[in-house]
C-alpha atoms as a PDB file:
ATOM      1  CA  MET A   1       0.000   0.000   0.000  1.00  0.00           C
ATOM      2  CA  GLN A   2       1.330   3.415  -0.964  1.00  0.00           C
ATOM      3  CA  THR A   3       2.418   5.770   1.810  1.00  0.00           C
ATOM      4  CA  TYR A   4       1.682   9.491   2.006  1.00  0.00           C
ATOM      5  CA  GLU A   5       3.168  12.346   3.986  1.00  0.00           C
ATOM      6  CA  THR A   6      -0.140  13.607   5.416  1.00  0.00           C
ATOM      7  CA  LEU A   7      -2.385  10.527   5.267  1.00  0.00           C
ATOM      8  CA  LEU A   8      -2.389   7.139   6.952  1.00  0.00           C
ATOM      9  CA  LEU A   9      -3.976   4.401   4.823  1.00  0.00           C
ATOM     10  CA  SER A  10      -5.074   1.028   6.156  1.00  0.00           C
ATOM     11  CA  ASN A  11      -7.346  -1.933   5.391  1.00  0.00           C
ATOM     12  CA  PRO A  12      -9.448  -2.485   8.529  1.00  0.00           C
ATOM     13  CA  ALA A  13     -11.565  -5.157   6.794  1.00  0.00           C
ATOM     14  CA  PRO A  14     -11.605  -6.970   3.443  1.00  0.00           C
ATOM     15  CA  HIS A  15     -12.288  -4.608   0.529  1.00  0.00           C
ATOM     16  CA  VAL A  16     -12.411  -1.572   2.874  1.00  0.00           C
ATOM     17  CA  LEU A  17      -9.922   1.304   2.620  1.00  0.00           C
ATOM     18  CA  GLN A  18      -9.525   3.670   5.571  1.00  0.00           C
ATOM     19  CA  VAL A  19      -8.045   7.085   4.797  1.00  0.00           C
ATOM     20  CA  MET A  20      -6.945   8.976   7.922  1.00  0.00           C
ATOM     21  CA  LEU A  21      -5.952  12.635   7.801  1.00  0.00           C
ATOM     22  CA  ASN A  22      -2.695  12.488   9.731  1.00  0.00           C
ATOM     23  CA  ARG A  23      -1.598  15.919  10.972  1.00  0.00           C
ATOM     24  CA  PRO A  24      -3.016  15.757  14.511  1.00  0.00           C
ATOM     25  CA  GLU A  25      -0.496  18.288  15.848  1.00  0.00           C
ATOM     26  CA  VAL A  26      -2.289  20.980  13.793  1.00  0.00           C
ATOM     27  CA  SER A  27      -5.851  19.633  14.028  1.00  0.00           C
ATOM     28  CA  ASN A  28      -5.362  17.799  10.709  1.00  0.00           C
ATOM     29  CA  ALA A  29      -5.382  21.158   8.938  1.00  0.00           C
ATOM     30  CA  MET A  30      -5.263  21.066   5.144  1.00  0.00           C
ATOM     31  CA  ASN A  31      -1.937  22.142   3.681  1.00  0.00           C
ATOM     32  CA  THR A  32      -0.893  21.869   0.062  1.00  0.00           C
ATOM     33  CA  GLN A  33       0.635  18.429   0.584  1.00  0.00           C
ATOM     34  CA  MET A  34      -2.578  17.059   2.101  1.00  0.00           C
ATOM     35  CA  GLY A  35      -4.486  18.328  -0.913  1.00  0.00           C
ATOM     36  CA  LEU A  36      -2.038  16.596  -3.234  1.00  0.00           C
ATOM     37  CA  ASP A  37      -2.153  13.390  -1.191  1.00  0.00           C
ATOM     38  CA  MET A  38      -5.956  13.331  -1.114  1.00  0.00           C
ATOM     39  CA  LEU A  39      -6.061  14.044  -4.839  1.00  0.00           C
ATOM     40  CA  ALA A  40      -3.728  11.120  -5.499  1.00  0.00           C
ATOM     41  CA  VAL A  41      -5.806   8.713  -3.383  1.00  0.00           C
ATOM     42  CA  PHE A  42      -9.155   9.649  -4.881  1.00  0.00           C
ATOM     43  CA  ASP A  43      -7.845   9.897  -8.431  1.00  0.00           C
ATOM     44  CA  GLY A  44      -6.566   6.371  -7.890  1.00  0.00           C
ATOM     45  CA  LEU A  45      -9.996   5.202  -6.774  1.00  0.00           C
ATOM     46  CA  CYS A  46     -11.553   6.808  -9.848  1.00  0.00           C
ATOM     47  CA  ALA A  47      -9.025   5.051 -12.068  1.00  0.00           C
ATOM     48  CA  ASP A  48      -9.392   1.649 -10.382  1.00  0.00           C
ATOM     49  CA  PRO A  49     -12.830   1.438  -8.739  1.00  0.00           C
ATOM     50  CA  ALA A  50     -12.564  -2.338  -8.330  1.00  0.00           C
ATOM     51  CA  ALA A  51      -9.652  -2.004  -5.892  1.00  0.00           C
ATOM     52  CA  TYR A  52     -11.998  -1.378  -2.921  1.00  0.00           C
ATOM     53  CA  ARG A  53     -15.703  -1.624  -2.203  1.00  0.00           C
ATOM     54  CA  CYS A  54     -16.028   1.034   0.501  1.00  0.00           C
ATOM     55  CA  VAL A  55     -13.888   3.904   1.808  1.00  0.00           C
ATOM     56  CA  ILE A  56     -13.803   5.360   5.330  1.00  0.00           C
ATOM     57  CA  LEU A  57     -12.515   8.924   5.751  1.00  0.00           C
ATOM     58  CA  THR A  58     -11.514  10.006   9.263  1.00  0.00           C
ATOM     59  CA  GLY A  59      -8.943  12.065  11.170  1.00  0.00           C
ATOM     60  CA  ALA A  60      -6.111  11.198  13.522  1.00  0.00           C
ATOM     61  CA  GLY A  61      -6.570  11.922  17.223  1.00  0.00           C
ATOM     62  CA  SER A  62      -9.701  12.838  19.141  1.00  0.00           C
ATOM     63  CA  LYS A  63      -9.548  16.626  18.861  1.00  0.00           C
ATOM     64  CA  ALA A  64     -10.293  17.246  15.214  1.00  0.00           C
ATOM     65  CA  PHE A  65     -11.358  15.606  12.000  1.00  0.00           C
ATOM     66  CA  CYS A  66      -9.979  18.585  10.092  1.00  0.00           C
ATOM     67  CA  GLY A  67      -9.697  22.161  11.281  1.00  0.00           C
ATOM     68  CA  GLY A  68      -9.821  23.565   7.742  1.00  0.00           C
ATOM     69  CA  GLY A  69      -7.089  25.223   5.721  1.00  0.00           C
ATOM     70  CA  ASP A  70      -3.656  25.582   7.311  1.00  0.00           C
ATOM     71  CA  LEU A  71      -3.646  29.338   7.939  1.00  0.00           C
ATOM     72  CA  LYS A  72      -0.046  29.286   9.159  1.00  0.00           C
ATOM     73  CA  GLN A  73       1.042  28.010   5.745  1.00  0.00           C
ATOM     74  CA  ARG A  74      -1.201  30.550   4.068  1.00  0.00           C
ATOM     75  CA  GLN A  75       0.177  33.486   6.065  1.00  0.00           C
ATOM     76  CA  GLY A  76       2.199  35.642   3.689  1.00  0.00           C
ATOM     77  CA  MET A  77       1.150  33.828   0.523  1.00  0.00           C
ATOM     78  CA  THR A  78       0.905  35.949  -2.583  1.00  0.00           C
ATOM     79  CA  ASP A  79      -2.433  36.011  -4.388  1.00  0.00           C
ATOM     80  CA  ALA A  80      -0.976  33.739  -7.059  1.00  0.00           C
ATOM     81  CA  GLN A  81       0.325  31.248  -4.470  1.00  0.00           C
ATOM     82  CA  TRP A  82      -3.042  31.224  -2.685  1.00  0.00           C
ATOM     83  CA  GLN A  83      -4.913  30.554  -5.917  1.00  0.00           C
ATOM     84  CA  ALA A  84      -2.452  27.855  -6.964  1.00  0.00           C
ATOM     85  CA  GLN A  85      -2.965  26.071  -3.649  1.00  0.00           C
ATOM     86  CA  HIS A  86      -6.716  26.416  -3.909  1.00  0.00           C
ATOM     87  CA  LEU A  87      -6.661  24.837  -7.343  1.00  0.00           C
ATOM     88  CA  VAL A  88      -5.214  21.725  -5.693  1.00  0.00           C
ATOM     89  CA  PHE A  89      -8.106  21.728  -3.207  1.00  0.00           C
ATOM     90  CA  GLU A  90     -10.624  22.210  -6.027  1.00  0.00           C
ATOM     91  CA  ARG A  91      -9.202  19.213  -7.884  1.00  0.00           C
ATOM     92  CA  GLN A  92      -9.281  17.186  -4.658  1.00  0.00           C
ATOM     93  CA  VAL A  93     -12.967  17.928  -4.120  1.00  0.00           C
ATOM     94  CA  ARG A  94     -13.847  17.024  -7.695  1.00  0.00           C
ATOM     95  CA  ALA A  95     -11.984  13.716  -7.308  1.00  0.00           C
ATOM     96  CA  MET A  96     -13.815  12.976  -4.041  1.00  0.00           C
ATOM     97  CA  LEU A  97     -17.199  13.718  -5.573  1.00  0.00           C
ATOM     98  CA  ALA A  98     -16.375  11.660  -8.666  1.00  0.00           C
ATOM     99  CA  CYS A  99     -15.266   8.637  -6.642  1.00  0.00           C
ATOM    100  CA  PRO A 100     -17.428   5.694  -7.802  1.00  0.00           C
ATOM    101  CA  VAL A 101     -16.848   3.778  -4.546  1.00  0.00           C
ATOM    102  CA  PRO A 102     -19.073   4.606  -1.530  1.00  0.00           C
ATOM    103  CA  VAL A 103     -17.309   6.942   0.933  1.00  0.00           C
ATOM    104  CA  ILE A 104     -18.344   7.133   4.598  1.00  0.00           C
ATOM    105  CA  GLY A 105     -17.139   9.948   6.839  1.00  0.00           C
ATOM    106  CA  ALA A 106     -16.143   9.081  10.406  1.00  0.00           C
ATOM    107  CA  ILE A 107     -16.048  12.580  11.861  1.00  0.00           C
ATOM    108  CA  ASN A 108     -14.028  12.177  15.041  1.00  0.00           C
ATOM    109  CA  GLY A 109     -13.800  15.823  16.110  1.00  0.00           C
ATOM    110  CA  ALA A 110     -13.996  19.395  14.878  1.00  0.00           C
ATOM    111  CA  ALA A 111     -14.773  19.726  11.168  1.00  0.00           C
ATOM    112  CA  TYR A 112     -14.319  23.382  10.321  1.00  0.00           C
ATOM    113  CA  GLY A 113     -13.990  25.083   6.956  1.00  0.00           C
ATOM    114  CA  GLY A 114     -12.510  22.587   4.521  1.00  0.00           C
ATOM    115  CA  GLY A 115     -13.070  19.831   7.071  1.00  0.00           C
ATOM    116  CA  CYS A 116     -16.797  20.513   6.985  1.00  0.00           C
ATOM    117  CA  GLU A 117     -16.657  20.601   3.188  1.00  0.00           C
ATOM    118  CA  MET A 118     -14.908  17.209   3.086  1.00  0.00           C
ATOM    119  CA  THR A 119     -17.652  15.833   5.341  1.00  0.00           C
ATOM    120  CA  LEU A 120     -20.192  17.039   2.799  1.00  0.00           C
ATOM    121  CA  CYS A 121     -18.243  15.335  -0.010  1.00  0.00           C
ATOM    122  CA  CYS A 122     -18.763  11.941   1.636  1.00  0.00           C
ATOM    123  CA  ASP A 123     -21.776   9.890   0.587  1.00  0.00           C
ATOM    124  CA  PHE A 124     -22.868   9.955   4.215  1.00  0.00           C
ATOM    125  CA  ALA A 125     -21.208  10.404   7.587  1.00  0.00           C
ATOM    126  CA  TYR A 126     -21.338   9.381  11.229  1.00  0.00           C
ATOM    127  CA  ALA A 127     -19.931  11.758  13.840  1.00  0.00           C
ATOM    128  CA  ALA A 128     -18.679  11.540  17.397  1.00  0.00           C
ATOM    129  CA  SER A 129     -20.967  13.250  19.880  1.00  0.00           C
ATOM    130  CA  THR A 130     -18.103  15.672  20.607  1.00  0.00           C
ATOM    131  CA  ALA A 131     -17.728  16.748  16.965  1.00  0.00           C
ATOM    132  CA  ARG A 132     -18.522  20.293  15.952  1.00  0.00           C
ATOM    133  CA  PHE A 133     -18.972  21.741  12.502  1.00  0.00           C
ATOM    134  CA  ALA A 134     -18.633  25.201  10.975  1.00  0.00           C
ATOM    135  CA  LEU A 135     -18.021  26.967   7.706  1.00  0.00           C
ATOM    136  CA  THR A 136     -16.130  29.984   9.041  1.00  0.00           C
ATOM    137  CA  GLU A 137     -14.722  31.369   5.799  1.00  0.00           C
ATOM    138  CA  VAL A 138     -16.910  34.491   5.954  1.00  0.00           C
ATOM    139  CA  THR A 139     -15.087  35.495   9.165  1.00  0.00           C
ATOM    140  CA  LEU A 140     -11.752  35.375   7.285  1.00  0.00           C
ATOM    141  CA  GLY A 141     -12.711  37.545   4.344  1.00  0.00           C
ATOM    142  CA  ILE A 142     -13.258  34.656   1.953  1.00  0.00           C
ATOM    143  CA  MET A 143     -16.044  32.156   1.284  1.00  0.00           C
ATOM    144  CA  PRO A 144     -16.273  28.365   1.012  1.00  0.00           C
ATOM    145  CA  GLY A 145     -14.657  27.273  -2.225  1.00  0.00           C
ATOM    146  CA  ALA A 146     -14.529  23.490  -1.878  1.00  0.00           C
ATOM    147  CA  GLY A 147     -18.199  22.800  -2.433  1.00  0.00           C
ATOM    148  CA  GLY A 148     -19.582  24.257   0.797  1.00  0.00           C
ATOM    149  CA  THR A 149     -22.064  26.657  -0.761  1.00  0.00           C
ATOM    150  CA  GLN A 150     -23.375  23.871  -3.008  1.00  0.00           C
ATOM    151  CA  ASN A 151     -23.265  20.713  -0.888  1.00  0.00           C
ATOM    152  CA  LEU A 152     -24.518  22.244   2.376  1.00  0.00           C
ATOM    153  CA  PRO A 153     -27.853  23.493   0.956  1.00  0.00           C
ATOM    154  CA  ARG A 154     -28.331  20.115  -0.729  1.00  0.00           C
ATOM    155  CA  ALA A 155     -27.931  18.490   2.691  1.00  0.00           C
ATOM    156  CA  VAL A 156     -29.769  20.860   5.036  1.00  0.00           C
ATOM    157  CA  GLY A 157     -31.863  23.113   2.765  1.00  0.00           C
ATOM    158  CA  GLY A 158     -31.179  26.560   1.428  1.00  0.00           C
ATOM    159  CA  ARG A 159     -32.466  28.664   4.319  1.00  0.00           C
ATOM    160  CA  ARG A 160     -30.551  26.745   6.991  1.00  0.00           C
ATOM    161  CA  ALA A 161     -27.421  26.704   4.817  1.00  0.00           C
ATOM    162  CA  LYS A 162     -27.501  30.471   4.299  1.00  0.00           C
ATOM    163  CA  GLU A 163     -27.782  31.020   8.056  1.00  0.00           C
ATOM    164  CA  LEU A 164     -24.744  28.839   8.713  1.00  0.00           C
ATOM    165  CA  LEU A 165     -22.692  30.181   5.806  1.00  0.00           C
ATOM    166  CA  LEU A 166     -23.419  33.860   6.459  1.00  0.00           C
ATOM    167  CA  THR A 167     -22.794  33.723  10.226  1.00  0.00           C
ATOM    168  CA  GLY A 168     -19.924  31.237  10.322  1.00  0.00           C
ATOM    169  CA  ARG A 169     -21.562  29.945  13.491  1.00  0.00           C
ATOM    170  CA  PRO A 170     -20.473  26.496  14.772  1.00  0.00           C
ATOM    171  CA  PHE A 171     -23.039  23.741  15.264  1.00  0.00           C
ATOM    172  CA  THR A 172     -23.039  20.461  17.109  1.00  0.00           C
ATOM    173  CA  ALA A 173     -23.124  16.869  15.924  1.00  0.00           C
ATOM    174  CA  GLN A 174     -26.688  16.577  17.193  1.00  0.00           C
ATOM    175  CA  GLN A 175     -27.734  19.634  15.194  1.00  0.00           C
ATOM    176  CA  ALA A 176     -25.999  18.221  12.116  1.00  0.00           C
ATOM    177  CA  LEU A 177     -28.001  15.018  12.621  1.00  0.00           C
ATOM    178  CA  ASP A 178     -31.277  16.866  13.146  1.00  0.00           C
ATOM    179  CA  TRP A 179     -30.724  18.923   9.977  1.00  0.00           C
ATOM    180  CA  GLY A 180     -29.824  15.920   7.812  1.00  0.00           C
ATOM    181  CA  MET A 181     -26.122  16.591   7.307  1.00  0.00           C
ATOM    182  CA  ILE A 182     -24.939  13.458   9.097  1.00  0.00           C
ATOM    183  CA  ASN A 183     -26.616  10.082   9.570  1.00  0.00           C
ATOM    184  CA  GLN A 184     -25.678   9.043  13.097  1.00  0.00           C
ATOM    185  CA  VAL A 185     -24.130  10.408  16.294  1.00  0.00           C
ATOM    186  CA  CYS A 186     -21.875   7.940  18.111  1.00  0.00           C
ATOM    187  CA  ALA A 187     -19.998   7.807  21.378  1.00  0.00           C
ATOM    188  CA  PRO A 188     -16.445   8.936  20.558  1.00  0.00           C
ATOM    189  CA  ASP A 189     -14.892   5.584  21.451  1.00  0.00           C
ATOM    190  CA  ALA A 190     -17.470   3.707  19.368  1.00  0.00           C
ATOM    191  CA  LEU A 191     -17.368   5.856  16.218  1.00  0.00           C
ATOM    192  CA  LEU A 192     -14.889   3.901  14.116  1.00  0.00           C
ATOM    193  CA  ALA A 193     -16.423   0.561  15.074  1.00  0.00           C
ATOM    194  CA  GLU A 194     -19.878   1.797  14.034  1.00  0.00           C
ATOM    195  CA  VAL A 195     -18.596   3.159  10.728  1.00  0.00           C
ATOM    196  CA  LEU A 196     -16.574   0.025  10.037  1.00  0.00           C
ATOM    197  CA  ALA A 197     -19.622  -2.183  10.646  1.00  0.00           C
ATOM    198  CA  THR A 198     -21.531  -0.191   8.047  1.00  0.00           C
ATOM    199  CA  ALA A 199     -18.577  -0.233   5.630  1.00  0.00           C
ATOM    200  CA  VAL A 200     -18.301  -4.019   5.969  1.00  0.00           C
ATOM    201  CA  ARG A 201     -22.021  -4.381   5.280  1.00  0.00           C
ATOM    202  CA  ILE A 202     -21.616  -2.328   2.097  1.00  0.00           C
ATOM    203  CA  ALA A 203     -18.446  -4.209   1.077  1.00  0.00           C
ATOM    204  CA  GLU A 204     -20.266  -7.540   1.384  1.00  0.00           C
ATOM    205  CA  ASN A 205     -22.831  -6.446  -1.200  1.00  0.00           C
ATOM    206  CA  ALA A 206     -22.352  -6.681  -4.953  1.00  0.00           C
ATOM    207  CA  PRO A 207     -19.782  -3.968  -5.805  1.00  0.00           C
ATOM    208  CA  LEU A 208     -21.147  -3.303  -9.297  1.00  0.00           C
ATOM    209  CA  SER A 209     -24.567  -2.764  -7.706  1.00  0.00           C
ATOM    210  CA  THR A 210     -23.278  -0.355  -5.076  1.00  0.00           C
ATOM    211  CA  ARG A 211     -21.421   1.689  -7.681  1.00  0.00           C
ATOM    212  CA  GLN A 212     -24.457   1.836  -9.972  1.00  0.00           C
ATOM    213  CA  ILE A 213     -26.701   2.850  -7.056  1.00  0.00           C
ATOM    214  CA  LYS A 214     -24.340   5.644  -6.034  1.00  0.00           C
ATOM    215  CA  GLN A 215     -24.144   6.956  -9.587  1.00  0.00           C
ATOM    216  CA  SER A 216     -27.916   6.728 -10.051  1.00  0.00           C
ATOM    217  CA  VAL A 217     -28.624   8.698  -6.865  1.00  0.00           C
ATOM    218  CA  ASN A 218     -25.976  11.321  -7.594  1.00  0.00           C
ATOM    219  CA  MET A 219     -27.073  11.893 -11.175  1.00  0.00           C
ATOM    220  CA  GLY A 220     -30.787  11.521 -10.550  1.00  0.00           C
ATOM    221  CA  THR A 221     -30.911  14.234  -7.897  1.00  0.00           C
ATOM    222  CA  GLN A 222     -29.681  16.697 -10.538  1.00  0.00           C
ATOM    223  CA  MET A 223     -32.421  15.792 -13.063  1.00  0.00           C
ATOM    224  CA  ASP A 224     -36.159  16.076 -13.410  1.00  0.00           C
ATOM    225  CA  LEU A 225     -37.959  12.903 -12.300  1.00  0.00           C
ATOM    226  CA  GLY A 226     -38.662  11.577 -15.794  1.00  0.00           C
ATOM    227  CA  SER A 227     -35.026  11.892 -16.871  1.00  0.00           C
ATOM    228  CA  ALA A 228     -33.868  10.433 -13.568  1.00  0.00           C
ATOM    229  CA  LEU A 229     -36.084   7.374 -13.985  1.00  0.00           C
ATOM    230  CA  MET A 230     -34.621   6.829 -17.449  1.00  0.00           C
ATOM    231  CA  PHE A 231     -31.099   7.122 -16.039  1.00  0.00           C
ATOM    232  CA  GLU A 232     -31.971   4.622 -13.309  1.00  0.00           C
ATOM    233  CA  ILE A 233     -33.077   2.035 -15.871  1.00  0.00           C
ATOM    234  CA  GLU A 234     -29.884   2.528 -17.872  1.00  0.00           C
ATOM    235  CA  ALA A 235     -27.899   1.909 -14.674  1.00  0.00           C
ATOM    236  CA  TYR A 236     -30.069  -1.093 -13.795  1.00  0.00           C
ATOM    237  CA  ASN A 237     -29.727  -2.692 -17.218  1.00  0.00           C
ATOM    238  CA  ARG A 238     -25.973  -3.062 -16.749  1.00  0.00           C
ATOM    239  CA  LEU A 239     -26.527  -5.515 -13.864  1.00  0.00           C
ATOM    240  CA  PRO A 240     -28.721  -8.433 -15.083  1.00  0.00           C
ATOM    241  CA  PRO A 241     -25.952  -9.766 -17.419  1.00  0.00           C
ATOM    242  CA  THR A 242     -23.363  -9.906 -14.589  1.00  0.00           C
ATOM    243  CA  ALA A 243     -22.016 -12.968 -12.818  1.00  0.00           C
ATOM    244  CA  ASP A 244     -22.788 -11.274  -9.484  1.00  0.00           C
ATOM    245  CA  ARG A 245     -26.496 -11.106 -10.363  1.00  0.00           C
ATOM    246  CA  ARG A 246     -26.480 -14.841 -11.078  1.00  0.00           C
ATOM    247  CA  GLU A 247     -24.542 -15.494  -7.862  1.00  0.00           C
ATOM    248  CA  GLY A 248     -26.984 -13.426  -5.810  1.00  0.00           C
ATOM    249  CA  VAL A 249     -30.031 -15.310  -7.070  1.00  0.00           C
ATOM    250  CA  ALA A 250     -28.297 -18.679  -6.710  1.00  0.00           C
ATOM    251  CA  ALA A 251     -27.219 -17.901  -3.153  1.00  0.00           C
ATOM    252  CA  PHE A 252     -30.751 -16.867  -2.214  1.00  0.00           C
ATOM    253  CA  ASN A 253     -32.199 -20.120  -3.543  1.00  0.00           C
ATOM    254  CA  GLU A 254     -29.441 -22.213  -1.981  1.00  0.00           C
ATOM    255  CA  LYS A 255     -29.899 -20.405   1.358  1.00  0.00           C
ATOM    256  CA  ARG A 256     -26.275 -19.327   1.636  1.00  0.00           C
ATOM    257  CA  LYS A 257     -24.340 -16.093   1.757  1.00  0.00           C
ATOM    258  CA  PRO A 258     -23.412 -14.820  -1.722  1.00  0.00           C
ATOM    259  CA  VAL A 259     -19.788 -14.423  -2.739  1.00  0.00           C
ATOM    260  CA  PHE A 260     -19.611 -11.430  -5.047  1.00  0.00           C
ATOM    261  CA  LYS A 261     -16.634 -10.980  -7.357  1.00  0.00           C
ATOM    262  CA  GLY A 262     -17.434  -7.632  -8.964  1.00  0.00           C
ATOM    263  CA  ALA A 263     -18.022  -9.190 -12.348  1.00  0.00           C
END
């Protein structure tokens, strides 16, 4: 498995990749190298979607998932240097959103700025009860530029999103759950186990099916219903000819657990 300067990769279960932001001494803040490392990981998943069946994204330590952009690195940057760094982050976000493999966030602590935006790039997320979220860019003279103004309203609704974006006000894990941004609040010491159990459940399912479902949901929510239903059928029609479909039906009739091969 490839190593990265700012990330710690592991395989906590078969077919599951765990990506841990690994700069705990600075609240896992996003520097240029982390952007490049994340881009490399998610570009790799886009290029080889069969390598894994589910991805877990989390942060090192108990203090923070990701505190946002590394403002110490950004101090003194020229405008051109700032924009060059941000282009890396933009490419990272596009790679995360394009990832065909399901991605679950395990939000272990504070998720501010870019950390909140990465949470929103996951397909869904569980959070520790101690986690807090905020998009604070407006307090720094900038605005979210890694999907925050687009993904937050899609998760919590436009009116709630504008309140959070325009105030920069932090909110709790329970509020994030109540508003639909995360799926579950966990005890801090149980978070990774809960996320891993869900990741294993996904990884045990037919991987071609999970990838087609993810694509159908993502594309369909951007279409009118009629077009979305047509897209769904196109996605569905790729599955009946597969060996996994035949294995699934055979396993059901033989009263055994299916063994899916992704073919």
